[in-house]
Amino acid sequence: MYLLEFESQQQQEAGIVIKYLKEMWLERITQSVKLRLRDISGKKWFDLEQKNHDEYNMININRFMSLITYRMQVYLKVFDCICFDLIRFIFNMYNKICA
C-alpha cells in the first residue's frame, strides 16, 4: 500500500467516524436520555418538554443536560487525542520505513 493510498483510506475512515459522531451518536444519546427519563418526566424535575426558560433553569434537567454536554465534549476530546496520536504513530512508522 502506497502512502497516498493510505492517506486516502485514512481520510475516508475519518469521514465515516465524523459522520457517525455528528449523526448516529448524537441520535442514540438523545434516544437513551428520553428513554431513561420517560418514567419520571411527569414529576417536572426532569421534564423534557419544558418550555418556560426560567423554570428550566431552576429544575434538575438544566444541570443534567449540562452534565451530558460536558461529558460528550470530554469524550470527543479524548477521541480526538487518540486519533491524533495514532496518526502521528503511523506517520512516524512510515517515515522510519521509507528513510
N, C-alpha and C. Protein backbone atom coordinates (compact mmCIF):
# COMPACT_ATOMS: atom_id res chain seq x y z
N MET A 1 0.85 -1.17 0.00
CA MET A 1 0.00 0.00 0.00
C MET A 1 0.91 1.24 0.00
N TYR A 2 0.65 2.11 -0.93
CA TYR A 2 1.44 3.34 -1.03
C TYR A 2 0.93 4.37 -0.03
N LEU A 3 1.78 5.33 0.24
CA LEU A 3 1.46 6.35 1.23
C LEU A 3 0.21 7.15 0.82
N LEU A 4 0.06 7.47 -0.44
CA LEU A 4 -1.12 8.22 -0.89
C LEU A 4 -2.40 7.40 -0.73
N GLU A 5 -2.31 6.09 -1.00
CA GLU A 5 -3.47 5.21 -0.81
C GLU A 5 -3.84 5.16 0.68
N PHE A 6 -2.81 5.04 1.52
CA PHE A 6 -3.04 5.00 2.96
C PHE A 6 -3.69 6.29 3.44
N GLU A 7 -3.16 7.41 2.99
CA GLU A 7 -3.71 8.71 3.38
C GLU A 7 -5.17 8.85 2.94
N SER A 8 -5.46 8.42 1.73
CA SER A 8 -6.82 8.49 1.21
C SER A 8 -7.76 7.61 2.04
N GLN A 9 -7.29 6.41 2.36
CA GLN A 9 -8.10 5.50 3.17
C GLN A 9 -8.34 6.07 4.56
N GLN A 10 -7.33 6.67 5.16
CA GLN A 10 -7.47 7.26 6.49
C GLN A 10 -8.45 8.43 6.47
N GLN A 11 -8.40 9.25 5.42
CA GLN A 11 -9.34 10.37 5.32
C GLN A 11 -10.77 9.86 5.16
N GLN A 12 -10.93 8.80 4.40
CA GLN A 12 -12.26 8.21 4.21
C GLN A 12 -12.79 7.66 5.53
N GLU A 13 -11.94 6.94 6.26
CA GLU A 13 -12.34 6.38 7.56
C GLU A 13 -12.64 7.48 8.56
N ALA A 14 -11.83 8.53 8.55
CA ALA A 14 -12.08 9.67 9.46
C ALA A 14 -13.42 10.31 9.13
N GLY A 15 -13.74 10.42 7.85
CA GLY A 15 -15.03 10.98 7.44
C GLY A 15 -16.19 10.14 7.95
N ILE A 16 -16.04 8.82 7.90
CA ILE A 16 -17.09 7.92 8.40
C ILE A 16 -17.28 8.10 9.90
N VAL A 17 -16.17 8.21 10.64
CA VAL A 17 -16.26 8.39 12.09
C VAL A 17 -16.89 9.73 12.43
N ILE A 18 -16.50 10.78 11.73
CA ILE A 18 -17.08 12.11 11.98
C ILE A 18 -18.57 12.11 11.70
N LYS A 19 -18.97 11.46 10.61
CA LYS A 19 -20.41 11.38 10.27
C LYS A 19 -21.16 10.62 11.37
N TYR A 20 -20.58 9.54 11.86
CA TYR A 20 -21.21 8.79 12.94
C TYR A 20 -21.38 9.65 14.19
N LEU A 21 -20.32 10.38 14.56
CA LEU A 21 -20.37 11.20 15.76
C LEU A 21 -21.38 12.33 15.63
N LYS A 22 -21.52 12.89 14.45
CA LYS A 22 -22.45 14.01 14.26
C LYS A 22 -23.89 13.56 14.13
N GLU A 23 -24.11 12.35 13.65
CA GLU A 23 -25.49 11.90 13.40
C GLU A 23 -25.92 10.79 14.34
N MET A 24 -25.36 9.61 14.17
CA MET A 24 -25.82 8.44 14.92
C MET A 24 -25.56 8.55 16.42
N TRP A 25 -24.36 8.98 16.79
CA TRP A 25 -24.00 9.05 18.20
C TRP A 25 -24.92 10.02 18.93
N LEU A 26 -25.12 11.19 18.35
CA LEU A 26 -25.99 12.18 18.96
C LEU A 26 -27.43 11.68 19.05
N GLU A 27 -27.90 11.02 17.99
CA GLU A 27 -29.25 10.48 17.98
C GLU A 27 -29.43 9.40 19.04
N ARG A 28 -28.45 8.53 19.17
CA ARG A 28 -28.54 7.45 20.16
C ARG A 28 -28.51 8.00 21.59
N ILE A 29 -27.71 8.99 21.83
CA ILE A 29 -27.68 9.60 23.17
C ILE A 29 -29.02 10.24 23.47
N THR A 30 -29.58 10.95 22.49
CA THR A 30 -30.89 11.59 22.67
C THR A 30 -31.95 10.55 22.98
N GLN A 31 -31.98 9.46 22.23
CA GLN A 31 -32.95 8.40 22.47
C GLN A 31 -32.77 7.78 23.85
N SER A 32 -31.52 7.56 24.23
CA SER A 32 -31.25 6.96 25.53
C SER A 32 -31.71 7.86 26.67
N VAL A 33 -31.43 9.15 26.57
CA VAL A 33 -31.85 10.09 27.62
C VAL A 33 -33.37 10.13 27.70
N LYS A 34 -34.04 10.22 26.57
CA LYS A 34 -35.51 10.26 26.58
C LYS A 34 -36.09 8.98 27.16
N LEU A 35 -35.50 7.85 26.83
CA LEU A 35 -35.99 6.58 27.34
C LEU A 35 -35.82 6.50 28.86
N ARG A 36 -34.67 6.92 29.36
CA ARG A 36 -34.41 6.84 30.80
C ARG A 36 -35.26 7.83 31.60
N LEU A 37 -35.56 8.97 31.02
CA LEU A 37 -36.32 9.99 31.75
C LEU A 37 -37.83 9.90 31.52
N ARG A 38 -38.25 9.00 30.70
CA ARG A 38 -39.66 8.87 30.35
C ARG A 38 -40.54 8.65 31.57
N ASP A 39 -40.10 7.81 32.47
CA ASP A 39 -40.93 7.44 33.62
C ASP A 39 -41.03 8.54 34.67
N ILE A 40 -40.03 9.39 34.75
CA ILE A 40 -40.06 10.42 35.79
C ILE A 40 -40.35 11.81 35.25
N SER A 41 -40.63 11.92 33.96
CA SER A 41 -40.84 13.25 33.38
C SER A 41 -42.10 13.94 33.90
N GLY A 42 -43.07 13.20 34.41
CA GLY A 42 -44.28 13.81 34.93
C GLY A 42 -44.07 14.55 36.24
N LYS A 43 -42.94 14.35 36.87
CA LYS A 43 -42.67 14.98 38.16
C LYS A 43 -42.08 16.38 38.01
N LYS A 44 -41.87 16.83 36.81
CA LYS A 44 -41.38 18.16 36.48
C LYS A 44 -39.90 18.38 36.80
N TRP A 45 -39.26 17.47 37.50
CA TRP A 45 -37.84 17.66 37.78
C TRP A 45 -36.99 17.39 36.54
N PHE A 46 -37.43 16.45 35.74
CA PHE A 46 -36.72 16.12 34.51
C PHE A 46 -37.67 16.19 33.32
N ASP A 47 -38.47 17.23 33.26
CA ASP A 47 -39.46 17.40 32.20
C ASP A 47 -38.78 17.82 30.91
N LEU A 48 -38.73 16.92 29.94
CA LEU A 48 -38.07 17.20 28.66
C LEU A 48 -38.86 18.15 27.78
N GLU A 49 -40.12 18.35 28.10
CA GLU A 49 -40.98 19.22 27.30
C GLU A 49 -41.10 20.62 27.91
N GLN A 50 -40.22 20.95 28.81
CA GLN A 50 -40.28 22.25 29.50
C GLN A 50 -40.10 23.39 28.50
N LYS A 51 -41.02 24.33 28.49
CA LYS A 51 -40.98 25.46 27.55
C LYS A 51 -40.59 26.77 28.23
N ASN A 52 -40.86 26.91 29.52
CA ASN A 52 -40.56 28.13 30.25
C ASN A 52 -39.08 28.14 30.63
N HIS A 53 -38.35 29.10 30.11
CA HIS A 53 -36.90 29.14 30.31
C HIS A 53 -36.53 29.35 31.77
N ASP A 54 -37.27 30.16 32.50
CA ASP A 54 -36.97 30.40 33.91
C ASP A 54 -37.15 29.13 34.73
N GLU A 55 -38.23 28.40 34.47
CA GLU A 55 -38.44 27.14 35.18
C GLU A 55 -37.38 26.12 34.80
N TYR A 56 -37.02 26.12 33.53
CA TYR A 56 -35.99 25.19 33.05
C TYR A 56 -34.68 25.40 33.80
N ASN A 57 -34.31 26.65 34.01
CA ASN A 57 -33.06 26.95 34.72
C ASN A 57 -33.09 26.54 36.18
N MET A 58 -34.27 26.42 36.76
CA MET A 58 -34.38 26.09 38.18
C MET A 58 -34.52 24.60 38.45
N ILE A 59 -34.88 23.81 37.46
CA ILE A 59 -35.10 22.39 37.72
C ILE A 59 -33.86 21.57 37.38
N ASN A 60 -33.89 20.31 37.74
CA ASN A 60 -32.73 19.43 37.58
C ASN A 60 -32.37 19.15 36.12
N ILE A 61 -33.30 19.30 35.21
CA ILE A 61 -33.00 18.96 33.81
C ILE A 61 -31.90 19.87 33.27
N ASN A 62 -31.84 21.11 33.72
CA ASN A 62 -30.80 22.03 33.27
C ASN A 62 -29.41 21.51 33.66
N ARG A 63 -29.27 21.12 34.91
CA ARG A 63 -27.98 20.58 35.37
C ARG A 63 -27.66 19.26 34.68
N PHE A 64 -28.68 18.44 34.49
CA PHE A 64 -28.48 17.15 33.83
C PHE A 64 -28.02 17.33 32.39
N MET A 65 -28.65 18.24 31.65
CA MET A 65 -28.27 18.50 30.26
C MET A 65 -26.87 19.09 30.19
N SER A 66 -26.52 19.94 31.14
CA SER A 66 -25.17 20.49 31.18
C SER A 66 -24.15 19.38 31.41
N LEU A 67 -24.47 18.44 32.27
CA LEU A 67 -23.59 17.31 32.54
C LEU A 67 -23.42 16.45 31.29
N ILE A 68 -24.50 16.19 30.58
CA ILE A 68 -24.42 15.40 29.35
C ILE A 68 -23.56 16.11 28.32
N THR A 69 -23.76 17.41 28.16
CA THR A 69 -22.97 18.19 27.20
C THR A 69 -21.50 18.14 27.56
N TYR A 70 -21.19 18.31 28.83
CA TYR A 70 -19.80 18.28 29.27
C TYR A 70 -19.17 16.92 28.98
N ARG A 71 -19.87 15.85 29.30
CA ARG A 71 -19.32 14.51 29.08
C ARG A 71 -19.13 14.22 27.60
N MET A 72 -20.05 14.67 26.77
CA MET A 72 -19.89 14.48 25.32
C MET A 72 -18.66 15.22 24.83
N GLN A 73 -18.43 16.43 25.32
CA GLN A 73 -17.25 17.19 24.92
C GLN A 73 -15.97 16.49 25.36
N VAL A 74 -15.97 15.94 26.56
CA VAL A 74 -14.79 15.22 27.05
C VAL A 74 -14.52 14.00 26.18
N TYR A 75 -15.56 13.24 25.84
CA TYR A 75 -15.37 12.05 25.01
C TYR A 75 -14.83 12.43 23.64
N LEU A 76 -15.34 13.52 23.07
CA LEU A 76 -14.85 13.94 21.76
C LEU A 76 -13.39 14.40 21.84
N LYS A 77 -13.01 15.08 22.91
CA LYS A 77 -11.62 15.49 23.05
C LYS A 77 -10.70 14.28 23.21
N VAL A 78 -11.11 13.31 24.00
CA VAL A 78 -10.31 12.10 24.18
C VAL A 78 -10.19 11.37 22.85
N PHE A 79 -11.29 11.25 22.13
CA PHE A 79 -11.27 10.59 20.82
C PHE A 79 -10.34 11.32 19.87
N ASP A 80 -10.39 12.65 19.88
CA ASP A 80 -9.53 13.45 19.01
C ASP A 80 -8.06 13.21 19.35
N CYS A 81 -7.74 13.17 20.63
CA CYS A 81 -6.34 12.93 21.04
C CYS A 81 -5.88 11.54 20.62
N ILE A 82 -6.75 10.55 20.79
CA ILE A 82 -6.39 9.19 20.41
C ILE A 82 -6.14 9.12 18.91
N CYS A 83 -7.01 9.73 18.12
CA CYS A 83 -6.84 9.72 16.66
C CYS A 83 -5.56 10.43 16.26
N PHE A 84 -5.29 11.57 16.88
CA PHE A 84 -4.08 12.33 16.55
C PHE A 84 -2.84 11.52 16.89
N ASP A 85 -2.83 10.89 18.06
CA ASP A 85 -1.68 10.07 18.46
C ASP A 85 -1.49 8.89 17.52
N LEU A 86 -2.57 8.26 17.11
CA LEU A 86 -2.49 7.14 16.19
C LEU A 86 -1.94 7.58 14.83
N ILE A 87 -2.42 8.69 14.31
CA ILE A 87 -1.93 9.18 13.03
C ILE A 87 -0.45 9.56 13.13
N ARG A 88 -0.05 10.18 14.21
CA ARG A 88 1.36 10.54 14.40
C ARG A 88 2.22 9.28 14.48
N PHE A 89 1.74 8.25 15.20
CA PHE A 89 2.48 7.00 15.29
C PHE A 89 2.65 6.35 13.92
N ILE A 90 1.58 6.29 13.15
CA ILE A 90 1.64 5.67 11.82
C ILE A 90 2.54 6.48 10.90
N PHE A 91 2.45 7.80 10.97
CA PHE A 91 3.31 8.65 10.16
C PHE A 91 4.78 8.41 10.49
N ASN A 92 5.11 8.35 11.79
CA ASN A 92 6.49 8.10 12.20
C ASN A 92 6.95 6.71 11.76
N MET A 93 6.08 5.73 11.83
CA MET A 93 6.42 4.38 11.39
C MET A 93 6.75 4.37 9.91
N TYR A 94 5.93 5.03 9.10
CA TYR A 94 6.18 5.09 7.65
C TYR A 94 7.46 5.87 7.36
N ASN A 95 7.74 6.92 8.12
CA ASN A 95 8.98 7.68 7.92
C ASN A 95 10.20 6.81 8.19
N LYS A 96 10.14 5.97 9.23
CA LYS A 96 11.26 5.09 9.55
C LYS A 96 11.46 4.04 8.45
N ILE A 97 10.34 3.53 7.93
CA ILE A 97 10.42 2.52 6.88
C ILE A 97 10.96 3.10 5.58
N CYS A 98 10.50 4.29 5.24
CA CYS A 98 10.89 4.93 3.98
C CYS A 98 12.28 5.55 4.03
N ALA A 99 12.81 5.83 5.22
CA ALA A 99 14.11 6.50 5.34
C ALA A 99 15.27 5.58 5.11
